[in-house]
């Protein structure tokens, strides 16, 4: 016999997280990106000029997988590799002008995504929710602003 009890918060987080990830994937597909590519563009925009190795470490993804992501975005004209002036063995990754334009589109899509997902909450409730979820994420050792799914990307 099962008890009737409210659905647990952990289940709701999983349910909403999966739903939100799918919806975000649909949104970024409109600008011909995958969610991992969108995250890489965002990471480069936040700190341009980092090496591929530093980006792979930050994202927690295998270096070979990151190289494939950078390759695809470089071929598209969104990212460019430049020799690192401090260490000629390393490449610094930068957004191109097209990448900067794409980043603006991504910012708009992310805002639309958040507004659609949280439409039933007012501004104070959204801040409270973000604060609470931030505390839980920090307690779990998650890196702020980095989706943990990069660790599962195939090499």
N, C-alpha and C. Protein backbone atom coordinates (compact mmCIF):
# COMPACT_ATOMS: atom_id res chain seq x y z
N UNK A 1 0.85 -1.18 0.00
CA UNK A 1 0.00 0.00 0.00
C UNK A 1 0.89 1.24 0.00
N UNK A 2 0.58 2.21 -0.81
CA UNK A 2 1.39 3.43 -0.86
C UNK A 2 0.64 4.57 -0.17
N UNK A 3 1.44 5.47 0.32
CA UNK A 3 0.86 6.62 1.00
C UNK A 3 0.67 7.75 -0.01
N UNK A 4 -0.38 8.50 0.19
CA UNK A 4 -0.55 9.70 -0.62
C UNK A 4 0.23 10.82 0.05
N UNK A 5 1.29 11.24 -0.61
CA UNK A 5 2.08 12.34 -0.06
C UNK A 5 2.49 13.24 -1.21
N UNK A 6 2.79 14.47 -0.90
CA UNK A 6 3.17 15.39 -1.96
C UNK A 6 4.44 14.91 -2.66
N UNK A 7 4.55 15.26 -3.92
CA UNK A 7 5.75 14.93 -4.68
C UNK A 7 6.93 15.65 -4.04
N UNK A 8 8.04 14.94 -3.89
CA UNK A 8 9.22 15.51 -3.25
C UNK A 8 9.90 16.57 -4.10
N UNK A 9 10.60 17.47 -3.42
CA UNK A 9 11.30 18.56 -4.11
C UNK A 9 12.37 18.03 -5.05
N UNK A 10 13.07 16.95 -4.66
CA UNK A 10 14.12 16.41 -5.54
C UNK A 10 13.52 15.92 -6.86
N UNK A 11 12.37 15.26 -6.78
CA UNK A 11 11.70 14.82 -8.01
C UNK A 11 11.30 16.02 -8.86
N UNK A 12 10.71 17.04 -8.21
CA UNK A 12 10.29 18.22 -8.96
C UNK A 12 11.47 18.91 -9.63
N UNK A 13 12.62 18.96 -8.94
CA UNK A 13 13.82 19.55 -9.55
C UNK A 13 14.24 18.77 -10.78
N UNK A 14 14.21 17.45 -10.69
CA UNK A 14 14.57 16.61 -11.83
C UNK A 14 13.57 16.79 -12.97
N UNK A 15 12.30 16.78 -12.63
CA UNK A 15 11.26 16.94 -13.64
C UNK A 15 11.39 18.28 -14.35
N UNK A 16 11.51 19.35 -13.58
CA UNK A 16 11.64 20.68 -14.19
C UNK A 16 12.97 20.85 -14.91
N UNK A 17 14.04 20.30 -14.35
CA UNK A 17 15.35 20.41 -14.99
C UNK A 17 15.36 19.74 -16.36
N UNK A 18 14.79 18.55 -16.43
CA UNK A 18 14.71 17.84 -17.71
C UNK A 18 13.85 18.61 -18.70
N UNK A 19 12.72 19.08 -18.24
CA UNK A 19 11.82 19.87 -19.09
C UNK A 19 12.51 21.15 -19.57
N UNK A 20 13.16 21.86 -18.65
CA UNK A 20 13.83 23.12 -19.00
C UNK A 20 14.96 22.87 -19.98
N UNK A 21 15.73 21.80 -19.78
CA UNK A 21 16.83 21.49 -20.70
C UNK A 21 16.31 21.19 -22.10
N UNK A 22 15.23 20.44 -22.18
CA UNK A 22 14.64 20.14 -23.50
C UNK A 22 14.17 21.42 -24.18
N UNK A 23 13.47 22.26 -23.43
CA UNK A 23 12.96 23.51 -24.01
C UNK A 23 14.10 24.43 -24.43
N UNK A 24 15.15 24.50 -23.63
CA UNK A 24 16.31 25.32 -23.99
C UNK A 24 16.95 24.78 -25.26
N UNK A 25 17.06 23.46 -25.35
CA UNK A 25 17.61 22.85 -26.56
C UNK A 25 16.81 23.23 -27.81
N UNK A 26 15.50 23.26 -27.68
CA UNK A 26 14.64 23.68 -28.79
C UNK A 26 14.89 25.14 -29.15
N UNK A 27 15.05 25.97 -28.15
CA UNK A 27 15.28 27.40 -28.40
C UNK A 27 16.61 27.65 -29.10
N UNK A 28 17.69 27.00 -28.63
CA UNK A 28 18.99 27.26 -29.26
C UNK A 28 19.11 26.58 -30.62
N UNK A 29 18.31 25.56 -30.85
CA UNK A 29 18.29 24.94 -32.18
C UNK A 29 17.83 25.95 -33.23
N UNK A 30 17.03 26.92 -32.80
CA UNK A 30 16.55 27.96 -33.73
C UNK A 30 17.70 28.81 -34.27
N UNK A 31 18.83 28.85 -33.54
CA UNK A 31 20.02 29.57 -34.04
C UNK A 31 21.13 28.56 -34.39
N UNK A 32 20.70 27.32 -34.67
CA UNK A 32 21.58 26.25 -35.14
C UNK A 32 22.70 25.93 -34.16
N UNK A 33 22.35 25.83 -32.88
CA UNK A 33 23.31 25.43 -31.85
C UNK A 33 22.74 24.28 -31.05
N UNK A 34 23.65 23.51 -30.47
CA UNK A 34 23.28 22.53 -29.46
C UNK A 34 23.48 23.19 -28.10
N UNK A 35 22.87 22.67 -27.04
CA UNK A 35 23.13 23.26 -25.72
C UNK A 35 24.62 23.27 -25.34
N UNK A 36 25.40 22.21 -25.61
CA UNK A 36 26.84 22.31 -25.28
C UNK A 36 27.55 23.42 -26.05
N UNK A 37 27.19 23.61 -27.31
CA UNK A 37 27.79 24.70 -28.08
C UNK A 37 27.39 26.05 -27.50
N UNK A 38 26.13 26.19 -27.12
CA UNK A 38 25.67 27.45 -26.52
C UNK A 38 26.44 27.74 -25.24
N UNK A 39 26.67 26.71 -24.42
CA UNK A 39 27.43 26.89 -23.20
C UNK A 39 28.87 27.29 -23.46
N UNK A 40 29.47 26.73 -24.50
CA UNK A 40 30.84 27.08 -24.85
C UNK A 40 30.92 28.53 -25.32
N UNK A 41 29.98 28.94 -26.16
CA UNK A 41 29.96 30.34 -26.62
C UNK A 41 29.84 31.26 -25.41
N UNK A 42 28.99 30.91 -24.48
CA UNK A 42 28.81 31.73 -23.27
C UNK A 42 30.10 31.79 -22.45
N UNK A 43 30.77 30.64 -22.29
CA UNK A 43 32.01 30.60 -21.52
C UNK A 43 33.10 31.45 -22.17
N UNK A 44 33.19 31.41 -23.49
CA UNK A 44 34.19 32.22 -24.20
C UNK A 44 33.84 33.70 -24.09
N UNK A 45 32.57 34.02 -24.17
CA UNK A 45 32.14 35.42 -24.06
C UNK A 45 32.47 35.98 -22.68
N UNK A 46 32.32 35.14 -21.64
CA UNK A 46 32.59 35.60 -20.27
C UNK A 46 34.06 35.89 -20.06
N UNK A 47 34.93 35.04 -20.61
CA UNK A 47 36.37 35.19 -20.43
C UNK A 47 37.09 34.89 -21.73
N UNK A 48 37.09 35.85 -22.66
CA UNK A 48 37.76 35.61 -23.94
C UNK A 48 39.26 35.43 -23.77
N UNK A 49 39.83 34.61 -24.65
CA UNK A 49 41.27 34.44 -24.67
C UNK A 49 41.80 33.31 -23.81
N UNK A 50 40.90 32.55 -23.20
CA UNK A 50 41.39 31.39 -22.43
C UNK A 50 41.78 30.28 -23.39
N UNK A 51 42.66 29.42 -22.92
CA UNK A 51 43.10 28.29 -23.73
C UNK A 51 42.01 27.23 -23.79
N UNK A 52 42.13 26.37 -24.79
CA UNK A 52 41.20 25.24 -24.89
C UNK A 52 41.29 24.36 -23.65
N UNK A 53 42.50 24.19 -23.14
CA UNK A 53 42.69 23.37 -21.94
C UNK A 53 41.97 23.97 -20.74
N UNK A 54 42.07 25.29 -20.59
CA UNK A 54 41.40 25.96 -19.47
C UNK A 54 39.88 25.87 -19.61
N UNK A 55 39.39 26.01 -20.83
CA UNK A 55 37.94 25.88 -21.06
C UNK A 55 37.47 24.47 -20.75
N UNK A 56 38.23 23.46 -21.20
CA UNK A 56 37.86 22.07 -20.94
C UNK A 56 37.81 21.82 -19.43
N UNK A 57 38.80 22.34 -18.72
CA UNK A 57 38.83 22.15 -17.27
C UNK A 57 37.64 22.83 -16.60
N UNK A 58 37.34 24.05 -17.02
CA UNK A 58 36.22 24.77 -16.41
C UNK A 58 34.90 24.05 -16.67
N UNK A 59 34.72 23.57 -17.90
CA UNK A 59 33.48 22.91 -18.27
C UNK A 59 33.42 21.47 -17.77
N UNK A 60 34.57 20.94 -17.36
CA UNK A 60 34.60 19.57 -16.88
C UNK A 60 34.38 18.56 -17.98
N UNK A 61 34.84 18.87 -19.18
CA UNK A 61 34.67 17.98 -20.32
C UNK A 61 36.02 17.50 -20.81
N UNK A 62 36.07 16.34 -21.43
CA UNK A 62 37.35 15.89 -21.99
C UNK A 62 37.88 16.88 -23.03
N UNK A 63 39.18 17.09 -23.02
CA UNK A 63 39.79 18.05 -23.95
C UNK A 63 39.47 17.70 -25.40
N UNK A 64 39.43 16.40 -25.71
CA UNK A 64 39.13 16.02 -27.09
C UNK A 64 37.72 16.43 -27.49
N UNK A 65 36.79 16.37 -26.57
CA UNK A 65 35.41 16.79 -26.86
C UNK A 65 35.33 18.30 -27.03
N UNK A 66 36.08 19.01 -26.21
CA UNK A 66 36.08 20.47 -26.35
C UNK A 66 36.66 20.88 -27.70
N UNK A 67 37.73 20.22 -28.13
CA UNK A 67 38.35 20.54 -29.42
C UNK A 67 37.32 20.35 -30.53
N UNK A 68 36.52 19.30 -30.46
CA UNK A 68 35.48 19.06 -31.47
C UNK A 68 34.43 20.18 -31.45
N UNK A 69 34.05 20.63 -30.25
CA UNK A 69 33.08 21.73 -30.15
C UNK A 69 33.67 23.02 -30.73
N UNK A 70 34.93 23.31 -30.38
CA UNK A 70 35.58 24.52 -30.91
C UNK A 70 35.72 24.42 -32.42
N UNK A 71 36.13 23.25 -32.92
CA UNK A 71 36.27 23.06 -34.37
C UNK A 71 34.98 23.40 -35.10
N UNK A 72 33.86 22.85 -34.62
CA UNK A 72 32.57 23.08 -35.28
C UNK A 72 32.19 24.56 -35.27
N UNK A 73 32.43 25.22 -34.15
CA UNK A 73 32.07 26.64 -34.05
C UNK A 73 33.06 27.52 -34.81
N UNK A 74 34.30 27.08 -34.92
CA UNK A 74 35.28 27.82 -35.72
C UNK A 74 34.93 27.71 -37.21
N UNK A 75 34.55 26.52 -37.66
CA UNK A 75 34.15 26.33 -39.06
C UNK A 75 32.93 27.18 -39.40
N UNK A 76 32.10 27.38 -38.43
CA UNK A 76 30.89 28.20 -38.63
C UNK A 76 31.20 29.70 -38.57
N UNK A 77 32.40 30.06 -38.11
CA UNK A 77 32.78 31.46 -38.04
C UNK A 77 32.38 32.15 -36.75
N UNK A 78 32.06 31.37 -35.71
CA UNK A 78 31.61 31.91 -34.44
C UNK A 78 32.78 32.12 -33.48
N UNK A 79 33.72 31.17 -33.49
CA UNK A 79 34.91 31.24 -32.64
C UNK A 79 36.15 31.27 -33.51
N UNK A 80 37.23 31.79 -32.92
CA UNK A 80 38.52 31.71 -33.59
C UNK A 80 39.59 31.40 -32.57
N UNK A 81 40.57 30.65 -33.02
CA UNK A 81 41.73 30.33 -32.20
C UNK A 81 42.85 31.29 -32.59
N UNK A 82 43.49 31.82 -31.58
CA UNK A 82 44.66 32.67 -31.81
C UNK A 82 45.79 32.11 -30.96
N UNK A 83 47.00 32.23 -31.46
CA UNK A 83 48.15 31.80 -30.67
C UNK A 83 48.19 32.62 -29.40
N UNK A 84 48.44 31.95 -28.29
CA UNK A 84 48.56 32.62 -27.01
C UNK A 84 49.92 33.32 -26.98
N UNK A 85 49.94 34.64 -26.82
CA UNK A 85 51.22 35.35 -26.85
C UNK A 85 52.17 34.96 -25.72
N UNK A 86 51.63 34.44 -24.62
CA UNK A 86 52.46 34.05 -23.48
C UNK A 86 52.99 32.62 -23.60
N UNK A 87 52.31 31.80 -24.39
CA UNK A 87 52.74 30.42 -24.58
C UNK A 87 52.31 29.99 -25.98
N UNK A 88 53.24 30.01 -26.91
CA UNK A 88 52.93 29.75 -28.33
C UNK A 88 52.40 28.33 -28.57
N UNK A 89 52.53 27.44 -27.59
CA UNK A 89 51.98 26.09 -27.76
C UNK A 89 50.47 26.06 -27.57
N UNK A 90 49.94 27.09 -26.92
CA UNK A 90 48.51 27.12 -26.61
C UNK A 90 47.77 28.05 -27.55
N UNK A 91 46.51 27.74 -27.76
CA UNK A 91 45.64 28.62 -28.53
C UNK A 91 44.66 29.29 -27.58
N UNK A 92 44.48 30.58 -27.78
CA UNK A 92 43.48 31.34 -27.04
C UNK A 92 42.20 31.35 -27.89
N UNK A 93 41.06 31.14 -27.25
CA UNK A 93 39.79 31.07 -27.97
C UNK A 93 39.03 32.37 -27.76
N UNK A 94 38.56 32.93 -28.88
CA UNK A 94 37.85 34.21 -28.88
C UNK A 94 36.58 34.10 -29.71
N UNK A 95 35.61 34.96 -29.41
CA UNK A 95 34.44 35.11 -30.28
C UNK A 95 34.83 35.96 -31.47
N UNK A 96 34.28 35.65 -32.62
CA UNK A 96 34.39 36.52 -33.79
C UNK A 96 33.26 37.55 -33.72
N UNK A 97 33.20 38.43 -34.66
CA UNK A 97 32.07 39.38 -34.72
C UNK A 97 30.76 38.62 -34.84
N UNK A 98 30.75 37.56 -35.67
CA UNK A 98 29.54 36.73 -35.79
C UNK A 98 29.22 36.06 -34.46
N UNK A 99 30.25 35.67 -33.72
CA UNK A 99 30.06 35.07 -32.41
C UNK A 99 29.47 36.05 -31.41
N UNK A 100 29.92 37.30 -31.48
CA UNK A 100 29.35 38.33 -30.60
C UNK A 100 27.87 38.55 -30.91
N UNK A 101 27.54 38.55 -32.20
CA UNK A 101 26.13 38.67 -32.60
C UNK A 101 25.32 37.48 -32.09
N UNK A 102 25.89 36.29 -32.22
CA UNK A 102 25.23 35.08 -31.76
C UNK A 102 25.04 35.12 -30.24
N UNK A 103 26.02 35.64 -29.53
CA UNK A 103 25.92 35.75 -28.07
C UNK A 103 24.76 36.67 -27.68
N UNK A 104 24.56 37.73 -28.42
CA UNK A 104 23.40 38.60 -28.15
C UNK A 104 22.10 37.83 -28.37
N UNK A 105 22.05 37.04 -29.45
CA UNK A 105 20.86 36.20 -29.70
C UNK A 105 20.65 35.21 -28.57
N UNK A 106 21.74 34.59 -28.10
CA UNK A 106 21.64 33.64 -27.00
C UNK A 106 21.13 34.31 -25.72
N UNK A 107 21.59 35.51 -25.46
CA UNK A 107 21.11 36.24 -24.29
C UNK A 107 19.62 36.49 -24.36
N UNK A 108 19.15 36.85 -25.54
CA UNK A 108 17.71 37.06 -25.74
C UNK A 108 16.95 35.76 -25.57
N UNK A 109 17.46 34.68 -26.16
CA UNK A 109 16.79 33.38 -26.04
C UNK A 109 16.76 32.89 -24.60
N UNK A 110 17.86 33.10 -23.87
CA UNK A 110 17.91 32.68 -22.46
C UNK A 110 16.89 33.46 -21.63
N UNK A 111 16.78 34.76 -21.89
CA UNK A 111 15.80 35.57 -21.15
C UNK A 111 14.37 35.12 -21.47
N UNK A 112 14.11 34.84 -22.75
CA UNK A 112 12.79 34.36 -23.13
C UNK A 112 12.49 33.01 -22.48
N UNK A 113 13.52 32.16 -22.43
CA UNK A 113 13.37 30.84 -21.82
C UNK A 113 13.02 30.97 -20.33
N UNK A 114 13.77 31.79 -19.63
CA UNK A 114 13.50 31.98 -18.20
C UNK A 114 12.12 32.58 -17.98
N UNK A 115 11.76 33.59 -18.77
CA UNK A 115 10.45 34.22 -18.61
C UNK A 115 9.32 33.22 -18.87
N UNK A 116 9.48 32.37 -19.87
CA UNK A 116 8.44 31.39 -20.18
C UNK A 116 8.34 30.34 -19.07
N UNK A 117 9.50 29.86 -18.61
CA UNK A 117 9.51 28.81 -17.60
C UNK A 117 8.98 29.31 -16.25
N UNK A 118 9.27 30.54 -15.91
CA UNK A 118 8.90 31.07 -14.60
C UNK A 118 7.76 32.09 -14.66
N UNK A 119 6.95 31.99 -15.68
CA UNK A 119 5.87 32.96 -15.89
C UNK A 119 4.90 33.05 -14.71
N UNK A 120 4.75 31.98 -13.97
CA UNK A 120 3.79 32.00 -12.85
C UNK A 120 4.35 32.64 -11.60
N UNK A 121 5.63 33.02 -11.60
CA UNK A 121 6.25 33.64 -10.42
C UNK A 121 6.48 35.13 -10.64
N UNK A 122 6.30 35.91 -9.58
CA UNK A 122 6.61 37.34 -9.69
C UNK A 122 8.12 37.54 -9.47
N UNK A 123 8.59 38.76 -9.59
CA UNK A 123 10.02 39.06 -9.52
C UNK A 123 10.63 38.64 -8.18
N UNK A 124 9.93 38.91 -7.07
CA UNK A 124 10.45 38.52 -5.75
C UNK A 124 10.54 36.99 -5.62
N UNK A 125 9.52 36.30 -6.11
CA UNK A 125 9.54 34.83 -6.05
C UNK A 125 10.67 34.26 -6.90
N UNK A 126 10.92 34.87 -8.05
CA UNK A 126 12.03 34.41 -8.90
C UNK A 126 13.37 34.58 -8.20
N UNK A 127 13.56 35.73 -7.55
CA UNK A 127 14.81 35.96 -6.81
C UNK A 127 14.97 34.96 -5.67
N UNK A 128 13.88 34.71 -4.94
CA UNK A 128 13.92 33.75 -3.84
C UNK A 128 14.24 32.36 -4.36
N UNK A 129 13.58 31.95 -5.44
CA UNK A 129 13.84 30.63 -6.03
C UNK A 129 15.30 30.52 -6.47
N UNK A 130 15.80 31.52 -7.14
CA UNK A 130 17.20 31.50 -7.61
C UNK A 130 18.16 31.42 -6.42
N UNK A 131 17.87 32.15 -5.37
CA UNK A 131 18.72 32.13 -4.18
C UNK A 131 18.72 30.74 -3.53
N UNK A 132 17.55 30.16 -3.36
CA UNK A 132 17.45 28.84 -2.74
C UNK A 132 18.14 27.78 -3.59
N UNK A 133 17.89 27.81 -4.89
CA UNK A 133 18.52 26.82 -5.77
C UNK A 133 20.03 27.02 -5.82
N UNK A 134 20.48 28.27 -5.77
CA UNK A 134 21.92 28.55 -5.72
C UNK A 134 22.57 27.95 -4.49
N UNK A 135 21.89 28.04 -3.36
CA UNK A 135 22.42 27.44 -2.12
C UNK A 135 22.51 25.93 -2.24
N UNK A 136 21.49 25.31 -2.80
CA UNK A 136 21.51 23.85 -2.97
C UNK A 136 22.62 23.46 -3.93
N UNK A 137 22.76 24.18 -5.05
CA UNK A 137 23.80 23.87 -6.03
C UNK A 137 25.19 24.02 -5.41
N UNK A 138 25.39 25.07 -4.63
CA UNK A 138 26.69 25.28 -3.97
C UNK A 138 26.98 24.15 -3.00
N UNK A 139 25.98 23.74 -2.24
CA UNK A 139 26.17 22.66 -1.28
C UNK A 139 26.52 21.34 -1.97
N UNK A 140 26.06 21.19 -3.20
CA UNK A 140 26.35 19.99 -3.98
C UNK A 140 27.68 20.10 -4.73
N UNK A 141 28.36 21.24 -4.58
CA UNK A 141 29.66 21.41 -5.23
C UNK A 141 29.60 21.70 -6.71
N UNK A 142 28.47 22.20 -7.19
CA UNK A 142 28.33 22.51 -8.61
C UNK A 142 28.99 23.85 -8.92
N UNK A 143 29.63 23.93 -10.07
CA UNK A 143 30.30 25.15 -10.49
C UNK A 143 29.25 26.14 -10.99
N UNK A 144 29.20 27.35 -10.42
CA UNK A 144 28.21 28.33 -10.87
C UNK A 144 28.32 28.60 -12.37
N UNK A 145 27.18 28.58 -13.05
CA UNK A 145 27.13 28.92 -14.46
C UNK A 145 27.56 27.82 -15.41
N UNK A 146 27.94 26.64 -14.89
CA UNK A 146 28.40 25.55 -15.74
C UNK A 146 27.46 24.36 -15.58
N UNK A 147 26.89 23.91 -16.69
CA UNK A 147 26.00 22.76 -16.66
C UNK A 147 26.82 21.50 -16.43
N UNK A 148 26.42 20.66 -15.47
CA UNK A 148 27.22 19.46 -15.19
C UNK A 148 27.19 18.42 -16.31
N UNK A 149 26.34 18.61 -17.29
CA UNK A 149 26.24 17.67 -18.40
C UNK A 149 27.49 17.59 -19.27
N UNK A 150 28.37 18.59 -19.20
CA UNK A 150 29.61 18.54 -19.98
C UNK A 150 30.44 17.34 -19.59
N UNK A 151 30.33 16.90 -18.35
CA UNK A 151 31.14 15.75 -17.89
C UNK A 151 30.73 14.47 -18.62
N UNK A 152 29.51 14.44 -19.14
CA UNK A 152 28.99 13.22 -19.77
C UNK A 152 29.10 13.24 -21.29
N UNK A 153 29.65 14.31 -21.86
CA UNK A 153 29.77 14.37 -23.31
C UNK A 153 30.79 13.34 -23.78
N UNK A 154 30.48 12.65 -24.87
CA UNK A 154 31.46 11.68 -25.37
C UNK A 154 32.69 12.39 -25.94
N UNK A 155 33.82 11.71 -25.85
CA UNK A 155 35.07 12.29 -26.38
C UNK A 155 35.08 12.24 -27.90
